Protein backbone atom coordinates (compact mmCIF):
# COMPACT_ATOMS: atom_id res chain seq x y z
CA MET A 1 0.00 0.00 0.00
CA GLY A 2 1.41 3.36 -1.05
CA TYR A 3 1.64 6.47 1.15
CA ASP A 4 -1.44 8.09 -0.47
CA GLU A 5 -3.46 4.90 0.05
CA GLN A 6 -2.33 4.69 3.68
CA MET A 7 -3.39 8.27 4.32
CA LYS A 8 -6.79 7.61 2.71
CA ALA A 9 -7.24 4.58 4.96
CA LEU A 10 -6.73 6.67 8.12
CA PRO A 11 -9.71 8.32 9.81
CA GLY A 12 -9.90 12.08 9.22
CA SER A 13 -9.07 12.84 12.85
CA LYS A 14 -5.84 10.83 12.67
CA VAL A 15 -4.77 12.57 9.47
CA LEU A 16 -5.38 15.93 11.12
CA LEU A 17 -3.38 14.84 14.18
CA ILE A 18 -0.42 13.77 12.00
CA VAL A 19 -0.51 17.08 10.13
CA LEU A 20 -0.60 19.03 13.40
CA VAL A 21 2.33 17.03 14.79
CA ILE A 22 4.39 17.71 11.67
CA ILE A 23 3.57 21.42 11.83
CA GLY A 24 4.45 21.46 15.54
CA LEU A 25 7.81 19.81 14.88
CA LEU A 26 8.59 22.33 12.15
CA VAL A 27 7.67 25.24 14.42
CA CYS A 28 9.90 23.81 17.17
CA LEU A 29 12.77 23.44 14.70
CA VAL A 30 12.38 27.06 13.60
CA VAL A 31 12.25 28.31 17.20
CA VAL A 32 15.30 26.27 18.23
CA ASN A 33 17.26 27.56 15.24
CA TYR A 34 16.26 31.15 15.96
CA LEU A 35 17.27 30.91 19.62
CA ALA A 36 20.58 29.25 18.71
CA ILE A 37 21.40 31.97 16.18
CA ARG A 38 20.20 34.76 18.46
CA TYR A 39 22.04 33.75 21.62
CA ASN A 40 25.00 31.67 20.42
CA GLY A 41 28.22 33.64 20.84
CA THR A 42 29.19 36.97 22.39
CA ASN A 43 28.73 40.22 20.50
CA VAL A 44 31.81 41.86 19.02
CA PRO A 45 31.35 45.57 18.17
CA ALA A 46 32.26 47.12 14.86
CA PRO A 47 35.65 48.80 15.19
CA THR A 48 36.27 52.48 14.63
CA ILE A 49 38.74 52.64 11.74
CA PRO A 50 40.54 55.53 10.01
CA ARG A 51 38.41 57.02 7.25
CA GLN A 52 40.92 59.45 5.85
CA PRO A 53 43.30 58.43 3.01
CA GLU A 54 46.40 56.47 4.03
CA GLN A 55 49.58 56.10 2.01
CA TYR A 56 51.83 53.09 1.60
CA GLY A 57 55.00 52.49 -0.39
CA ARG A 58 56.69 54.52 -3.08
CA GLY A 59 56.73 54.49 -6.86
CA ARG A 60 53.94 54.89 -9.38
CA PRO A 61 50.90 56.57 -7.74
CA ILE A 62 47.77 54.46 -7.53
CA THR A 63 44.46 55.03 -5.76
CA TYR A 64 42.94 52.02 -4.03
CA ALA A 65 39.53 51.93 -2.33
CA VAL A 66 37.89 49.19 -0.28
CA LEU A 67 34.10 49.03 -0.04
CA GLY A 68 31.92 46.50 1.70
CA ASP A 69 30.52 45.09 4.90
CA SER A 70 31.87 44.26 8.37
CA THR A 71 34.59 42.04 6.97
CA SER A 72 36.12 45.00 5.13
CA ILE A 73 36.72 46.67 8.50
CA SER A 74 37.82 43.41 10.19
CA GLN A 75 35.01 43.26 12.72
CA GLY A 76 35.99 40.53 15.16
CA GLY A 77 39.71 40.89 14.45
CA ASP A 78 42.62 43.33 14.28
CA TYR A 79 41.96 45.88 11.53
CA ASP A 80 45.67 46.49 10.97
CA LYS A 81 46.07 42.78 10.15
CA GLY A 82 42.93 42.48 8.04
CA TYR A 83 42.77 42.07 4.29
CA ALA A 84 41.94 45.74 3.58
CA ARG A 85 45.19 47.18 4.85
CA GLY A 86 46.98 43.95 4.01
CA SER A 87 46.07 44.24 0.33
CA ALA A 88 47.03 47.94 0.30
CA ARG A 89 50.45 47.07 1.66
CA TYR A 90 50.74 44.28 -0.89
CA LEU A 91 50.17 46.75 -3.73
CA ALA A 92 52.86 48.97 -2.20
CA SER A 93 55.26 46.02 -2.26
CA LYS A 94 54.75 45.84 -6.03
CA GLY A 95 56.30 49.27 -6.55
CA TYR A 96 53.29 51.55 -6.14
CA LEU A 97 52.69 54.64 -4.03
CA VAL A 98 49.28 53.59 -2.76
CA SER A 99 46.66 56.10 -1.66
CA PHE A 100 44.25 53.88 0.24
CA GLN A 101 40.82 54.63 1.69
CA ASN A 102 38.24 52.33 3.29
CA PHE A 103 34.52 53.04 2.91
CA GLY A 104 33.23 49.74 4.35
CA ILE A 105 30.33 49.72 6.81
CA SER A 106 29.27 46.93 9.13
CA GLY A 107 25.98 45.36 8.05
CA ALA A 108 26.14 46.65 4.47
CA ARG A 109 24.33 44.85 1.67
CA THR A 110 24.59 45.48 -2.07
CA ALA A 111 21.84 48.13 -1.91
CA ASP A 112 23.74 50.00 0.83
CA LEU A 113 26.92 49.74 -1.22
CA LEU A 114 25.24 51.42 -4.18
CA ARG A 115 23.58 54.21 -2.18
CA LYS A 116 26.11 55.03 0.52
CA GLN A 117 29.60 53.88 -0.45
CA VAL A 118 29.97 54.03 -4.22
CA PRO A 119 29.18 57.77 -4.51
CA LYS A 120 31.92 58.58 -1.98
CA ALA A 121 34.47 56.25 -3.55
CA ALA A 122 33.72 57.52 -7.06
CA THR A 123 34.88 61.00 -6.10
CA LEU A 124 38.40 59.58 -5.76
CA ARG A 125 38.37 58.20 -9.31
CA PRO A 126 40.13 55.10 -7.94
CA ASP A 127 42.36 52.88 -10.06
CA ILE A 128 41.47 49.74 -8.11
CA VAL A 129 38.44 48.95 -5.95
CA LEU A 130 37.86 45.91 -3.78
CA ILE A 131 34.17 45.30 -3.09
CA ALA A 132 33.62 42.88 -0.20
CA VAL A 133 29.87 42.49 0.01
CA GLY A 134 27.48 39.56 -0.15
CA ALA A 135 27.44 37.97 3.32
CA ASN A 136 24.53 40.08 4.57
CA ASP A 137 22.61 39.59 1.34
CA THR A 138 23.04 35.87 1.95
CA THR A 139 21.84 35.88 5.56
CA HIS A 140 19.00 38.37 4.95
CA PHE A 141 17.75 36.49 1.87
CA THR A 142 18.03 39.51 -0.40
CA ASN A 143 16.38 38.87 -3.75
CA ILE A 144 19.08 37.58 -6.12
CA THR A 145 17.86 39.82 -8.94
CA SER A 146 18.31 42.84 -6.65
CA VAL A 147 21.82 41.70 -5.67
CA ARG A 148 22.84 41.43 -9.32
CA ARG A 149 21.17 44.72 -10.30
CA ASP A 150 22.62 46.81 -7.47
CA LEU A 151 26.09 45.38 -7.89
CA ALA A 152 25.97 45.93 -11.66
CA GLN A 153 24.95 49.56 -11.11
CA SER A 154 27.75 50.02 -8.57
CA ILE A 155 30.24 48.76 -11.15
CA ALA A 156 28.77 51.07 -13.80
CA ASP A 157 28.98 54.11 -11.52
CA LEU A 158 32.60 53.39 -10.63
CA ARG A 159 33.46 52.96 -14.30
CA LYS A 160 31.94 56.35 -15.07
CA ALA A 161 34.35 57.87 -12.57
CA ASN A 162 37.34 56.04 -14.09
CA PRO A 163 36.86 54.06 -17.33
CA THR A 164 40.12 52.12 -16.76
CA ILE A 165 39.27 51.05 -13.21
CA LYS A 166 39.91 47.50 -11.99
CA ILE A 167 37.19 46.11 -9.70
CA LEU A 168 37.50 43.04 -7.48
CA LEU A 169 34.38 41.32 -6.12
CA THR A 170 34.53 38.86 -3.22
CA GLY A 171 30.88 37.90 -3.21
CA SER A 172 29.74 36.05 -0.10
CA PRO A 173 32.10 34.03 2.08
CA GLN A 174 30.96 30.49 2.83
CA MET A 175 28.24 31.26 5.36
CA GLY A 176 27.55 27.54 5.73
CA SER A 177 30.75 27.26 7.76
CA VAL A 178 29.67 29.82 10.39
CA PRO A 179 29.57 28.13 13.85
CA ARG A 180 26.70 30.34 14.99
CA PHE A 181 24.33 28.58 12.59
CA PRO A 182 22.95 25.18 13.62
CA GLU A 183 21.54 22.70 11.15
CA PRO A 184 19.50 23.00 8.99
CA SER A 185 20.45 26.70 8.84
CA LYS A 186 24.03 25.77 7.88
CA THR A 187 22.80 23.88 4.82
CA ILE A 188 20.47 26.70 3.85
CA MET A 189 23.27 29.26 4.22
CA ARG A 190 25.60 27.09 2.13
CA GLN A 191 23.03 27.06 -0.66
CA ARG A 192 22.37 30.79 -0.33
CA SER A 193 26.10 31.60 -0.50
CA ALA A 194 26.31 29.65 -3.75
CA GLN A 195 23.28 31.51 -5.18
CA VAL A 196 24.70 34.93 -4.34
CA ASN A 197 28.12 34.05 -5.73
CA ARG A 198 26.67 32.77 -8.99
CA ALA A 199 24.98 36.15 -9.43
CA VAL A 200 28.24 37.96 -8.65
CA ARG A 201 30.23 35.82 -11.09
CA GLU A 202 27.87 36.81 -13.89
CA LEU A 203 29.29 40.36 -13.66
CA VAL A 204 32.92 39.29 -14.04
CA ASP A 205 34.77 39.89 -17.32
CA ASP A 206 38.40 39.23 -16.26
CA LYS A 207 39.46 42.48 -17.93
CA GLN A 208 38.11 45.09 -15.55
CA VAL A 209 35.97 43.07 -13.13
CA PHE A 210 37.49 40.14 -11.26
CA PHE A 211 36.12 37.56 -8.82
CA VAL A 212 37.89 36.82 -5.53
CA PRO A 213 36.87 33.24 -4.58
CA ILE A 214 36.77 33.68 -0.82
CA ALA A 215 34.05 31.06 -0.32
CA ASP A 216 35.64 28.41 -2.53
CA GLU A 217 39.19 28.78 -1.23
CA THR A 218 38.62 29.44 2.47
CA GLY A 219 35.21 27.93 3.24
CA PRO A 220 36.58 24.39 3.81
CA VAL A 221 39.34 25.77 6.05
CA PHE A 222 36.83 27.61 8.23
CA MET A 223 34.66 24.51 8.36
CA ARG A 224 37.57 22.58 9.87
CA HIS A 225 38.64 25.43 12.16
CA PRO A 226 35.81 27.06 14.12
CA ASP A 227 38.59 28.63 16.21
CA TYR A 228 39.19 30.99 13.27
CA TYR A 229 35.99 32.81 14.25
CA ALA A 230 35.61 35.62 16.78
CA ALA A 231 33.70 35.38 20.06
CA ASP A 232 30.41 36.02 18.27
CA LYS A 233 30.94 32.81 16.25
CA PHE A 234 29.99 34.77 13.15
CA HIS A 235 32.85 37.07 12.10
CA PRO A 236 36.38 35.80 11.45
CA ASN A 237 39.03 36.64 14.01
CA THR A 238 42.47 38.00 13.18
CA THR A 239 43.73 34.58 12.09
CA GLY A 240 40.64 34.09 9.93
CA TYR A 241 41.01 37.40 8.14
CA GLY A 242 44.65 36.58 7.56
CA ILE A 243 43.56 33.51 5.60
CA TRP A 244 41.51 35.72 3.28
CA THR A 245 44.38 38.09 2.46
CA PRO A 246 46.35 35.78 0.09
CA VAL A 247 43.17 35.05 -1.85
CA VAL A 248 42.69 38.78 -2.39
CA THR A 249 46.31 39.48 -3.30
CA LYS A 250 46.42 36.65 -5.83
CA VAL A 251 43.55 38.28 -7.74
CA LEU A 252 45.19 41.70 -7.31
CA ASP A 253 48.22 40.31 -9.15
CA HIS A 254 45.96 39.27 -12.01
CA ALA A 255 44.20 42.66 -12.08
CA ILE A 256 47.44 44.68 -12.25
CA GLY A 257 49.00 42.30 -14.74
CA GLN A 258 51.66 40.73 -12.50
């Protein structure tokens, strides 16, 4: 007897009871996941970072801007050892006089990037921009079409400011490796990260717009090392951000032709 036939053979009251039990279990699962996400870990505040231009190195002048979310300002870790300043220093090591400025804001999504950060960065007419956004679009279930549209417009606005600009996009890190998320949220976040990153990759042309595969190259490492996360079990710590830096600099090499 198949499942449909078994259900038909049950009295209506028993079918209703089974349905209510299933709904109750799903509600309990949602509540448990919410409480685990809400109360797992200790809050780490967003750091106050320098907003004025900084200079590194000597040689050919180049303007470098970093835009993005909390990871761009190393929330949970040491900003001086994060990938923003780390990548600026890397450019300086390649023989550039780097004028560097960070416009990142904790909690930013692609819509915030377009409205609040891109207009400020565009005034610099930067030569290179690193855009580290996507994690909050993943966790807040931002519509994928909106992610693609707002990021595409951000790229267009930056290109208007400097037609020869090089733009690096990190997309979302692997949010399925975040210790704060229990199952099945981990699985859902893993799928969402992949969705967001597919949308980001569609904007890449490998001539002016480049993809930095943070999720692909560091996600498995973070999955094996929950100790690479800060006390909030959500943001990387100093060691974690240090693992991102080589992924960024490798794509920087490609962007500047080295």
